[in-house]
PDB file of N, CA and C in Angstrom:
ATOM      1  N   UNK A   1     150.960  58.046  -0.114  1.00  0.00           N
ATOM      2  CA  UNK A   1     151.858  59.097   0.373  1.00  0.00           C
ATOM      3  C   UNK A   1     153.527  58.265   1.168  1.00  0.00           C
ATOM      4  N   UNK A   2     154.524  58.408   0.666  1.00  0.00           N
ATOM      5  CA  UNK A   2     155.613  57.912   1.075  1.00  0.00           C
ATOM      6  C   UNK A   2     156.536  58.684   2.226  1.00  0.00           C
ATOM      7  N   UNK A   3     156.864  58.081   3.177  1.00  0.00           N
ATOM      8  CA  UNK A   3     158.050  58.794   4.214  1.00  0.00           C
ATOM      9  C   UNK A   3     159.421  58.269   3.597  1.00  0.00           C
ATOM     10  N   UNK A   4     160.324  58.616   3.646  1.00  0.00           N
ATOM     11  CA  UNK A   4     161.717  58.259   3.266  1.00  0.00           C
ATOM     12  C   UNK A   4     162.414  58.772   4.363  1.00  0.00           C
ATOM     13  N   UNK A   5     163.228  58.210   5.235  1.00  0.00           N
ATOM     14  CA  UNK A   5     163.951  58.762   6.463  1.00  0.00           C
ATOM     15  C   UNK A   5     165.229  58.297   5.897  1.00  0.00           C
ATOM     16  N   UNK A   6     166.230  59.450   5.953  1.00  0.00           N
ATOM     17  CA  UNK A   6     167.260  59.426   5.930  1.00  0.00           C
ATOM     18  C   UNK A   6     168.413  59.726   7.011  1.00  0.00           C
ATOM     19  N   UNK A   7     169.570  58.859   7.270  1.00  0.00           N
ATOM     20  CA  UNK A   7     170.034  59.342   8.397  1.00  0.00           C
ATOM     21  C   UNK A   7     171.764  58.977   8.320  1.00  0.00           C
ATOM     22  N   UNK A   8     172.703  59.749   8.834  1.00  0.00           N
ATOM     23  CA  UNK A   8     174.280  59.315   9.123  1.00  0.00           C
ATOM     24  C   UNK A   8     174.137  59.481  10.591  1.00  0.00           C
ATOM     25  N   UNK A   9     174.392  58.358  10.568  1.00  0.00           N
ATOM     26  CA  UNK A   9     174.817  58.353  12.605  1.00  0.00           C
ATOM     27  C   UNK A   9     176.055  57.619  12.866  1.00  0.00           C
ATOM     28  N   UNK A  10     176.713  57.970  13.900  1.00  0.00           N
ATOM     29  CA  UNK A  10     178.250  57.503  14.001  1.00  0.00           C
ATOM     30  C   UNK A  10     178.012  56.110  14.249  1.00  0.00           C
ATOM     31  N   UNK A  11     179.290  55.435  13.961  1.00  0.00           N
ATOM     32  CA  UNK A  11     179.631  53.857  14.500  1.00  0.00           C
ATOM     33  C   UNK A  11     180.795  53.652  14.917  1.00  0.00           C
ATOM     34  N   UNK A  12     181.665  54.858  15.268  1.00  0.00           N
ATOM     35  CA  UNK A  12     183.303  54.689  15.942  1.00  0.00           C
ATOM     36  C   UNK A  12     183.070  54.322  17.382  1.00  0.00           C
ATOM     37  N   UNK A  13     181.956  54.235  18.379  1.00  0.00           N
ATOM     38  CA  UNK A  13     182.167  53.241  19.262  1.00  0.00           C
ATOM     39  C   UNK A  13     181.036  52.034  19.434  1.00  0.00           C
ATOM     40  N   UNK A  14     181.332  51.256  20.486  1.00  0.00           N
ATOM     41  CA  UNK A  14     180.302  50.357  20.476  1.00  0.00           C
ATOM     42  C   UNK A  14     179.144  50.715  21.073  1.00  0.00           C
ATOM     43  N   UNK A  15     179.226  51.843  21.791  1.00  0.00           N
ATOM     44  CA  UNK A  15     177.915  51.788  22.453  1.00  0.00           C
ATOM     45  C   UNK A  15     176.712  52.941  20.889  1.00  0.00           C
ATOM     46  N   UNK A  16     177.934  53.344  20.025  1.00  0.00           N
ATOM     47  CA  UNK A  16     177.323  54.283  18.488  1.00  0.00           C
ATOM     48  C   UNK A  16     176.712  53.301  17.869  1.00  0.00           C
ATOM     49  N   UNK A  17     177.339  51.932  17.897  1.00  0.00           N
ATOM     50  CA  UNK A  17     176.737  51.168  16.545  1.00  0.00           C
ATOM     51  C   UNK A  17     175.769  50.401  17.129  1.00  0.00           C
ATOM     52  N   UNK A  18     175.388  49.881  18.829  1.00  0.00           N
ATOM     53  CA  UNK A  18     174.261  49.597  19.349  1.00  0.00           C
ATOM     54  C   UNK A  18     173.210  50.440  18.929  1.00  0.00           C
ATOM     55  N   UNK A  19     173.434  51.499  18.967  1.00  0.00           N
ATOM     56  CA  UNK A  19     172.145  52.739  18.809  1.00  0.00           C
ATOM     57  C   UNK A  19     171.925  53.220  17.568  1.00  0.00           C
ATOM     58  N   UNK A  20     172.983  52.776  16.813  1.00  0.00           N
ATOM     59  CA  UNK A  20     172.491  52.616  15.124  1.00  0.00           C
ATOM     60  C   UNK A  20     171.848  51.295  14.841  1.00  0.00           C
ATOM     61  N   UNK A  21     172.477  50.194  14.784  1.00  0.00           N
ATOM     62  CA  UNK A  21     171.567  49.098  15.035  1.00  0.00           C
ATOM     63  C   UNK A  21     169.769  48.756  15.443  1.00  0.00           C
ATOM     64  N   UNK A  22     169.858  49.798  16.785  1.00  0.00           N
ATOM     65  CA  UNK A  22     168.465  49.920  17.573  1.00  0.00           C
ATOM     66  C   UNK A  22     167.620  51.117  16.218  1.00  0.00           C
ATOM     67  N   UNK A  23     168.680  52.146  15.925  1.00  0.00           N
ATOM     68  CA  UNK A  23     167.506  52.679  15.108  1.00  0.00           C
ATOM     69  C   UNK A  23     167.103  51.885  14.053  1.00  0.00           C
ATOM     70  N   UNK A  24     167.768  51.262  13.305  1.00  0.00           N
ATOM     71  CA  UNK A  24     167.470  50.691  12.148  1.00  0.00           C
ATOM     72  C   UNK A  24     166.841  49.337  12.120  1.00  0.00           C
ATOM     73  N   UNK A  25     166.784  49.066  13.401  1.00  0.00           N
ATOM     74  CA  UNK A  25     165.692  47.881  13.649  1.00  0.00           C
ATOM     75  C   UNK A  25     164.614  48.224  14.204  1.00  0.00           C
ATOM     76  N   UNK A  26     164.400  49.675  14.692  1.00  0.00           N
ATOM     77  CA  UNK A  26     162.788  50.479  14.848  1.00  0.00           C
ATOM     78  C   UNK A  26     162.300  50.385  13.905  1.00  0.00           C
ATOM     79  N   UNK A  27     163.136  50.936  12.496  1.00  0.00           N
ATOM     80  CA  UNK A  27     162.262  51.376  11.083  1.00  0.00           C
ATOM     81  C   UNK A  27     162.154  49.945  10.645  1.00  0.00           C
ATOM     82  N   UNK A  28     162.836  49.281  10.444  1.00  0.00           N
ATOM     83  CA  UNK A  28     162.291  47.963  10.110  1.00  0.00           C
ATOM     84  C   UNK A  28     161.145  47.520  10.578  1.00  0.00           C
ATOM     85  N   UNK A  29     160.782  47.281  12.343  1.00  0.00           N
ATOM     86  CA  UNK A  29     159.963  47.025  12.860  1.00  0.00           C
ATOM     87  C   UNK A  29     158.392  47.785  12.552  1.00  0.00           C
ATOM     88  N   UNK A  30     159.051  48.981  11.991  1.00  0.00           N
ATOM     89  CA  UNK A  30     157.673  50.040  11.649  1.00  0.00           C
ATOM     90  C   UNK A  30     157.261  50.291  10.553  1.00  0.00           C
ATOM     91  N   UNK A  31     157.747  49.090   9.348  1.00  0.00           N
ATOM     92  CA  UNK A  31     157.350  48.284   8.099  1.00  0.00           C
ATOM     93  C   UNK A  31     158.052  49.230   7.190  1.00  0.00           C
ATOM     94  N   UNK A  32     159.204  50.258   7.369  1.00  0.00           N
ATOM     95  CA  UNK A  32     160.242  50.600   6.894  1.00  0.00           C
ATOM     96  C   UNK A  32     161.089  49.602   6.144  1.00  0.00           C
ATOM     97  N   UNK A  33     161.603  49.450   4.507  1.00  0.00           N
ATOM     98  CA  UNK A  33     162.179  49.043   4.191  1.00  0.00           C
ATOM     99  C   UNK A  33     163.342  49.794   3.495  1.00  0.00           C
ATOM    100  N   UNK A  34     164.543  49.397   3.613  1.00  0.00           N
ATOM    101  CA  UNK A  34     165.594  49.842   2.895  1.00  0.00           C
ATOM    102  C   UNK A  34     165.600  49.991   1.435  1.00  0.00           C
ATOM    103  N   UNK A  35     166.042  51.565   1.079  1.00  0.00           N
ATOM    104  CA  UNK A  35     165.929  52.121  -0.020  1.00  0.00           C
ATOM    105  C   UNK A  35     167.348  51.873  -0.544  1.00  0.00           C
ATOM    106  N   UNK A  36     168.211  52.679   0.246  1.00  0.00           N
ATOM    107  CA  UNK A  36     169.760  52.262   0.028  1.00  0.00           C
ATOM    108  C   UNK A  36     170.609  52.281   1.618  1.00  0.00           C
ATOM    109  N   UNK A  37     171.704  52.201   1.336  1.00  0.00           N
ATOM    110  CA  UNK A  37     172.218  52.573   2.802  1.00  0.00           C
ATOM    111  C   UNK A  37     171.824  53.598   3.772  1.00  0.00           C
ATOM    112  N   UNK A  38     171.114  53.389   4.783  1.00  0.00           N
ATOM    113  CA  UNK A  38     171.035  54.480   5.598  1.00  0.00           C
ATOM    114  C   UNK A  38     169.786  55.840   4.869  1.00  0.00           C
ATOM    115  N   UNK A  39     169.461  55.046   3.973  1.00  0.00           N
ATOM    116  CA  UNK A  39     167.941  55.639   3.131  1.00  0.00           C
ATOM    117  C   UNK A  39     166.850  54.554   3.783  1.00  0.00           C
ATOM    118  N   UNK A  40     165.922  54.738   4.429  1.00  0.00           N
ATOM    119  CA  UNK A  40     164.504  53.870   4.084  1.00  0.00           C
ATOM    120  C   UNK A  40     163.242  54.658   3.791  1.00  0.00           C
ATOM    121  N   UNK A  41     162.275  53.716   3.153  1.00  0.00           N
ATOM    122  CA  UNK A  41     161.360  54.281   2.794  1.00  0.00           C
ATOM    123  C   UNK A  41     159.732  53.405   3.422  1.00  0.00           C
ATOM    124  N   UNK A  42     158.954  53.997   3.528  1.00  0.00           N
ATOM    125  CA  UNK A  42     157.650  53.348   3.888  1.00  0.00           C
ATOM    126  C   UNK A  42     156.347  53.859   3.380  1.00  0.00           C
ATOM    127  N   UNK A  43     155.376  53.469   2.996  1.00  0.00           N
ATOM    128  CA  UNK A  43     154.109  53.927   1.940  1.00  0.00           C
ATOM    129  C   UNK A  43     153.268  54.283   3.329  1.00  0.00           C
ATOM    130  N   UNK A  44     152.541  55.222   2.996  1.00  0.00           N
ATOM    131  CA  UNK A  44     151.423  55.533   4.020  1.00  0.00           C
ATOM    132  C   UNK A  44     150.072  55.519   3.137  1.00  0.00           C
ATOM    133  N   UNK A  45     149.260  55.201   3.778  1.00  0.00           N
ATOM    134  CA  UNK A  45     148.030  55.251   3.097  1.00  0.00           C
ATOM    135  C   UNK A  45     147.382  56.806   3.010  1.00  0.00           C
ATOM    136  N   UNK A  46     147.923  57.621   4.033  1.00  0.00           N
ATOM    137  CA  UNK A  46     147.133  58.787   3.652  1.00  0.00           C
ATOM    138  C   UNK A  46     148.191  59.486   4.710  1.00  0.00           C
ATOM    139  N   UNK A  47     148.239  61.404   4.521  1.00  0.00           N
ATOM    140  CA  UNK A  47     148.759  62.142   5.609  1.00  0.00           C
ATOM    141  C   UNK A  47     148.741  62.092   6.618  1.00  0.00           C
ATOM    142  N   UNK A  48     147.304  61.926   7.417  1.00  0.00           N
ATOM    143  CA  UNK A  48     147.618  61.288   8.626  1.00  0.00           C
ATOM    144  C   UNK A  48     148.285  60.155   9.176  1.00  0.00           C
ATOM    145  N   UNK A  49     148.301  59.021   8.256  1.00  0.00           N
ATOM    146  CA  UNK A  49     148.717  57.975   8.534  1.00  0.00           C
ATOM    147  C   UNK A  49     150.184  58.040   8.822  1.00  0.00           C
ATOM    148  N   UNK A  50     151.049  58.855   7.452  1.00  0.00           N
ATOM    149  CA  UNK A  50     152.330  59.485   7.998  1.00  0.00           C
ATOM    150  C   UNK A  50     152.635  60.440   8.530  1.00  0.00           C
ATOM    151  N   UNK A  51     151.616  61.212   9.387  1.00  0.00           N
ATOM    152  CA  UNK A  51     152.097  61.701  10.422  1.00  0.00           C
ATOM    153  C   UNK A  51     152.328  61.140  11.741  1.00  0.00           C
ATOM    154  N   UNK A  52     151.473  59.809  11.576  1.00  0.00           N
ATOM    155  CA  UNK A  52     151.445  58.920  12.896  1.00  0.00           C
ATOM    156  C   UNK A  52     153.063  57.845  13.001  1.00  0.00           C
ATOM    157  N   UNK A  53     153.579  57.669  12.016  1.00  0.00           N
ATOM    158  CA  UNK A  53     154.878  56.734  11.859  1.00  0.00           C
ATOM    159  C   UNK A  53     156.125  58.110  11.378  1.00  0.00           C
ATOM    160  N   UNK A  54     156.070  59.158  11.076  1.00  0.00           N
ATOM    161  CA  UNK A  54     156.762  60.357  11.577  1.00  0.00           C
ATOM    162  C   UNK A  54     156.995  60.819  13.263  1.00  0.00           C
ATOM    163  N   UNK A  55     155.949  60.480  13.532  1.00  0.00           N
ATOM    164  CA  UNK A  55     155.866  60.727  15.132  1.00  0.00           C
ATOM    165  C   UNK A  55     156.744  59.874  15.929  1.00  0.00           C
ATOM    166  N   UNK A  56     156.316  58.398  15.419  1.00  0.00           N
ATOM    167  CA  UNK A  56     157.290  57.810  15.953  1.00  0.00           C
ATOM    168  C   UNK A  56     159.054  57.339  15.699  1.00  0.00           C
ATOM    169  N   UNK A  57     158.870  58.108  14.631  1.00  0.00           N
ATOM    170  CA  UNK A  57     160.229  58.047  14.457  1.00  0.00           C
ATOM    171  C   UNK A  57     160.954  59.296  14.995  1.00  0.00           C
ATOM    172  N   UNK A  58     160.830  59.932  15.398  1.00  0.00           N
ATOM    173  CA  UNK A  58     160.863  61.482  16.295  1.00  0.00           C
ATOM    174  C   UNK A  58     161.266  60.521  17.633  1.00  0.00           C
ATOM    175  N   UNK A  59     160.641  59.636  17.992  1.00  0.00           N
ATOM    176  CA  UNK A  59     160.241  59.369  19.277  1.00  0.00           C
ATOM    177  C   UNK A  59     161.449  58.702  19.377  1.00  0.00           C
ATOM    178  N   UNK A  60     161.946  58.185  18.601  1.00  0.00           N
ATOM    179  CA  UNK A  60     162.927  56.991  18.691  1.00  0.00           C
ATOM    180  C   UNK A  60     164.485  57.570  17.853  1.00  0.00           C
ATOM    181  N   UNK A  61     164.300  58.995  17.720  1.00  0.00           N
ATOM    182  CA  UNK A  61     165.783  59.238  17.425  1.00  0.00           C
ATOM    183  C   UNK A  61     166.998  58.938  18.316  1.00  0.00           C
ATOM    184  N   UNK A  62     168.173  58.752  17.698  1.00  0.00           N
ATOM    185  CA  UNK A  62     169.399  58.439  18.407  1.00  0.00           C
ATOM    186  C   UNK A  62     169.790  59.796  19.315  1.00  0.00           C
ATOM    187  N   UNK A  63     170.753  59.683  20.062  1.00  0.00           N
ATOM    188  CA  UNK A  63     171.140  61.028  20.719  1.00  0.00           C
ATOM    189  C   UNK A  63     171.883  61.832  19.658  1.00  0.00           C
ATOM    190  N   UNK A  64     172.550  61.177  18.543  1.00  0.00           N
ATOM    191  CA  UNK A  64     173.865  61.688  17.924  1.00  0.00           C
ATOM    192  C   UNK A  64     173.407  61.490  16.799  1.00  0.00           C
ATOM    193  N   UNK A  65     173.962  62.150  15.624  1.00  0.00           N
ATOM    194  CA  UNK A  65     173.788  61.672  14.442  1.00  0.00           C
ATOM    195  C   UNK A  65     172.787  62.692  13.589  1.00  0.00           C
ATOM    196  N   UNK A  66     172.900  62.513  12.427  1.00  0.00           N
ATOM    197  CA  UNK A  66     171.535  63.604  11.788  1.00  0.00           C
ATOM    198  C   UNK A  66     170.899  62.540  11.033  1.00  0.00           C
ATOM    199  N   UNK A  67     169.371  62.994  11.199  1.00  0.00           N
ATOM    200  CA  UNK A  67     167.864  62.340  10.837  1.00  0.00           C
ATOM    201  C   UNK A  67     167.256  63.226  10.130  1.00  0.00           C
ATOM    202  N   UNK A  68     167.484  62.817   8.646  1.00  0.00           N
ATOM    203  CA  UNK A  68     166.060  63.657   7.924  1.00  0.00           C
ATOM    204  C   UNK A  68     164.523  62.881   7.791  1.00  0.00           C
ATOM    205  N   UNK A  69     163.444  63.716   7.463  1.00  0.00           N
ATOM    206  CA  UNK A  69     162.270  62.643   7.013  1.00  0.00           C
ATOM    207  C   UNK A  69     162.126  63.635   5.985  1.00  0.00           C
ATOM    208  N   UNK A  70     161.464  63.002   4.732  1.00  0.00           N
ATOM    209  CA  UNK A  70     160.353  63.775   3.879  1.00  0.00           C
ATOM    210  C   UNK A  70     159.559  63.000   3.331  1.00  0.00           C
ATOM    211  N   UNK A  71     158.540  63.702   3.189  1.00  0.00           N
ATOM    212  CA  UNK A  71     157.375  63.266   2.717  1.00  0.00           C
ATOM    213  C   UNK A  71     156.796  63.432   1.242  1.00  0.00           C
ATOM    214  N   UNK A  72     156.608  62.552   0.150  1.00  0.00           N
ATOM    215  CA  UNK A  72     156.554  62.417  -1.029  1.00  0.00           C
ATOM    216  C   UNK A  72     155.048  62.099  -1.136  1.00  0.00           C
ATOM    217  N   UNK A  73     154.719  62.357  -2.407  1.00  0.00           N
ATOM    218  CA  UNK A  73     153.151  61.647  -2.751  1.00  0.00           C
ATOM    219  C   UNK A  73     153.460  60.822  -3.817  1.00  0.00           C
ATOM    220  N   UNK A  74     152.336  60.033  -4.143  1.00  0.00           N
ATOM    221  CA  UNK A  74     152.834  58.455  -4.571  1.00  0.00           C
ATOM    222  C   UNK A  74     152.971  59.311  -6.209  1.00  0.00           C
ATOM    223  N   UNK A  75     152.797  60.343  -6.093  1.00  0.00           N
ATOM    224  CA  UNK A  75     153.067  60.870  -7.838  1.00  0.00           C
ATOM    225  C   UNK A  75     154.667  60.859  -8.056  1.00  0.00           C
ATOM    226  N   UNK A  76     155.322  61.803  -6.915  1.00  0.00           N
ATOM    227  CA  UNK A  76     156.086  62.009  -7.140  1.00  0.00           C
ATOM    228  C   UNK A  76     156.991  60.977  -6.981  1.00  0.00           C
ATOM    229  N   UNK A  77     156.698  59.985  -5.925  1.00  0.00           N
ATOM    230  CA  UNK A  77     157.435  58.791  -6.271  1.00  0.00           C
ATOM    231  C   UNK A  77     157.756  57.600  -7.085  1.00  0.00           C
ATOM    232  N   UNK A  78     156.677  58.036  -7.915  1.00  0.00           N
ATOM    233  CA  UNK A  78     156.745  57.402  -9.268  1.00  0.00           C
ATOM    234  C   UNK A  78     157.545  57.969 -10.156  1.00  0.00           C
ATOM    235  N   UNK A  79     157.983  59.187 -10.219  1.00  0.00           N
ATOM    236  CA  UNK A  79     159.126  59.869 -11.214  1.00  0.00           C
ATOM    237  C   UNK A  79     160.485  59.411 -10.577  1.00  0.00           C
ATOM    238  N   UNK A  80     160.495  58.701  -9.757  1.00  0.00           N
ATOM    239  CA  UNK A  80     162.159  58.674  -9.468  1.00  0.00           C
ATOM    240  C   UNK A  80     162.638  57.739 -10.587  1.00  0.00           C
ATOM    241  N   UNK A  81     163.867  58.248 -10.555  1.00  0.00           N
ATOM    242  CA  UNK A  81     164.847  57.546 -11.305  1.00  0.00           C
ATOM    243  C   UNK A  81     165.811  56.617 -10.472  1.00  0.00           C
ATOM    244  N   UNK A  82     166.001  55.150 -10.817  1.00  0.00           N
ATOM    245  CA  UNK A  82     166.804  54.541 -10.428  1.00  0.00           C
ATOM    246  C   UNK A  82     167.578  54.010 -11.369  1.00  0.00           C
ATOM    247  N   UNK A  83     169.332  54.145 -10.771  1.00  0.00           N
ATOM    248  CA  UNK A  83     170.050  53.172 -11.722  1.00  0.00           C
ATOM    249  C   UNK A  83     171.033  52.023 -11.043  1.00  0.00           C
ATOM    250  N   UNK A  84     170.991  51.418 -11.821  1.00  0.00           N
ATOM    251  CA  UNK A  84     172.268  50.424 -11.380  1.00  0.00           C
ATOM    252  C   UNK A  84     173.361  50.846 -12.345  1.00  0.00           C
ATOM    253  N   UNK A  85     174.294  51.286 -11.857  1.00  0.00           N
ATOM    254  CA  UNK A  85     175.178  51.925 -13.350  1.00  0.00           C
ATOM    255  C   UNK A  85     174.951  52.606 -14.086  1.00  0.00           C
ATOM    256  N   UNK A  86     174.896  52.374 -15.365  1.00  0.00           N
ATOM    257  CA  UNK A  86     174.198  52.413 -16.794  1.00  0.00           C
ATOM    258  C   UNK A  86     173.220  52.380 -16.778  1.00  0.00           C
ATOM    259  N   UNK A  87     172.584  51.115 -16.057  1.00  0.00           N
ATOM    260  CA  UNK A  87     171.351  50.174 -16.406  1.00  0.00           C
ATOM    261  C   UNK A  87     169.878  51.110 -15.840  1.00  0.00           C
ATOM    262  N   UNK A  88     168.842  51.434 -16.461  1.00  0.00           N
ATOM    263  CA  UNK A  88     167.882  51.775 -15.207  1.00  0.00           C
ATOM    264  C   UNK A  88     166.973  50.922 -14.877  1.00  0.00           C
ATOM    265  N   UNK A  89     166.800  50.552 -13.544  1.00  0.00           N
ATOM    266  CA  UNK A  89     165.345  49.794 -12.937  1.00  0.00           C
ATOM    267  C   UNK A  89     164.141  50.514 -12.733  1.00  0.00           C
ATOM    268  N   UNK A  90     163.389  49.607 -12.663  1.00  0.00           N
ATOM    269  CA  UNK A  90     161.982  50.228 -12.238  1.00  0.00           C
ATOM    270  C   UNK A  90     161.860  50.572 -10.897  1.00  0.00           C
ATOM    271  N   UNK A  91     161.298  51.303 -10.406  1.00  0.00           N
ATOM    272  CA  UNK A  91     161.004  51.971  -8.950  1.00  0.00           C
ATOM    273  C   UNK A  91     159.981  50.719  -8.437  1.00  0.00           C
ATOM    274  N   UNK A  92     160.251  50.472  -7.077  1.00  0.00           N
ATOM    275  CA  UNK A  92     159.028  49.728  -6.285  1.00  0.00           C
ATOM    276  C   UNK A  92     157.667  50.467  -6.945  1.00  0.00           C
ATOM    277  N   UNK A  93     157.074  49.602  -6.511  1.00  0.00           N
ATOM    278  CA  UNK A  93     155.497  49.663  -7.020  1.00  0.00           C
ATOM    279  C   UNK A  93     154.588  50.213  -5.901  1.00  0.00           C
ATOM    280  N   UNK A  94     153.620  50.943  -5.639  1.00  0.00           N
ATOM    281  CA  UNK A  94     152.820  51.254  -4.888  1.00  0.00           C
ATOM    282  C   UNK A  94     152.438  50.358  -4.163  1.00  0.00           C
ATOM    283  N   UNK A  95     151.726  49.816  -2.652  1.00  0.00           N
ATOM    284  CA  UNK A  95     151.304  49.147  -2.343  1.00  0.00           C
ATOM    285  C   UNK A  95     149.569  48.802  -2.755  1.00  0.00           C
ATOM    286  N   UNK A  96     149.108  48.175  -2.863  1.00  0.00           N
ATOM    287  CA  UNK A  96     147.512  48.200  -2.835  1.00  0.00           C
ATOM    288  C   UNK A  96     146.887  48.677  -1.956  1.00  0.00           C
ATOM    289  N   UNK A  97     145.845  49.003  -1.880  1.00  0.00           N
ATOM    290  CA  UNK A  97     144.428  49.361  -0.917  1.00  0.00           C
ATOM    291  C   UNK A  97     144.484  47.909  -0.295  1.00  0.00           C
ATOM    292  N   UNK A  98     144.574  48.076   1.069  1.00  0.00           N
ATOM    293  CA  UNK A  98     144.014  46.767   2.059  1.00  0.00           C
ATOM    294  C   UNK A  98     142.490  46.667   2.093  1.00  0.00           C
ATOM    295  N   UNK A  99     141.731  45.799   1.460  1.00  0.00           N
ATOM    296  CA  UNK A  99     140.378  45.396   1.537  1.00  0.00           C
ATOM    297  C   UNK A  99     140.296  44.237   2.216  1.00  0.00           C
ATOM    298  N   UNK A 100     138.961  44.747   3.352  1.00  0.00           N
ATOM    299  CA  UNK A 100     138.141  43.685   3.933  1.00  0.00           C
ATOM    300  C   UNK A 100     136.882  43.276   3.332  1.00  0.00           C
ATOM    301  N   UNK A 101     136.513  42.391   3.837  1.00  0.00           N
ATOM    302  CA  UNK A 101     135.778  42.054   3.238  1.00  0.00           C
ATOM    303  C   UNK A 101     134.475  41.313   4.674  1.00  0.00           C
TER     304      UNK A 101
END
């Protein structure tokens, strides 16, 4: 299961830039990686785990701007086509399951 967070936040004032930076920092601290500007992704091992991270994102929503959250399966994520110019690039690999001995 993948969580994709897309956001469009204002940066027109020093306080708005601070809120943008704080929200972006939260996403990085919570294990999200940048997919492209203002689009961050995170793999979750289950739907239950995804709900936990979505709840955390909702708790940190900035007062202004727009944030959208999408959940997609590993199979759907694997069908994403990524291009740099006209060259196709392989998508990110799904993280392996954590093994405890």
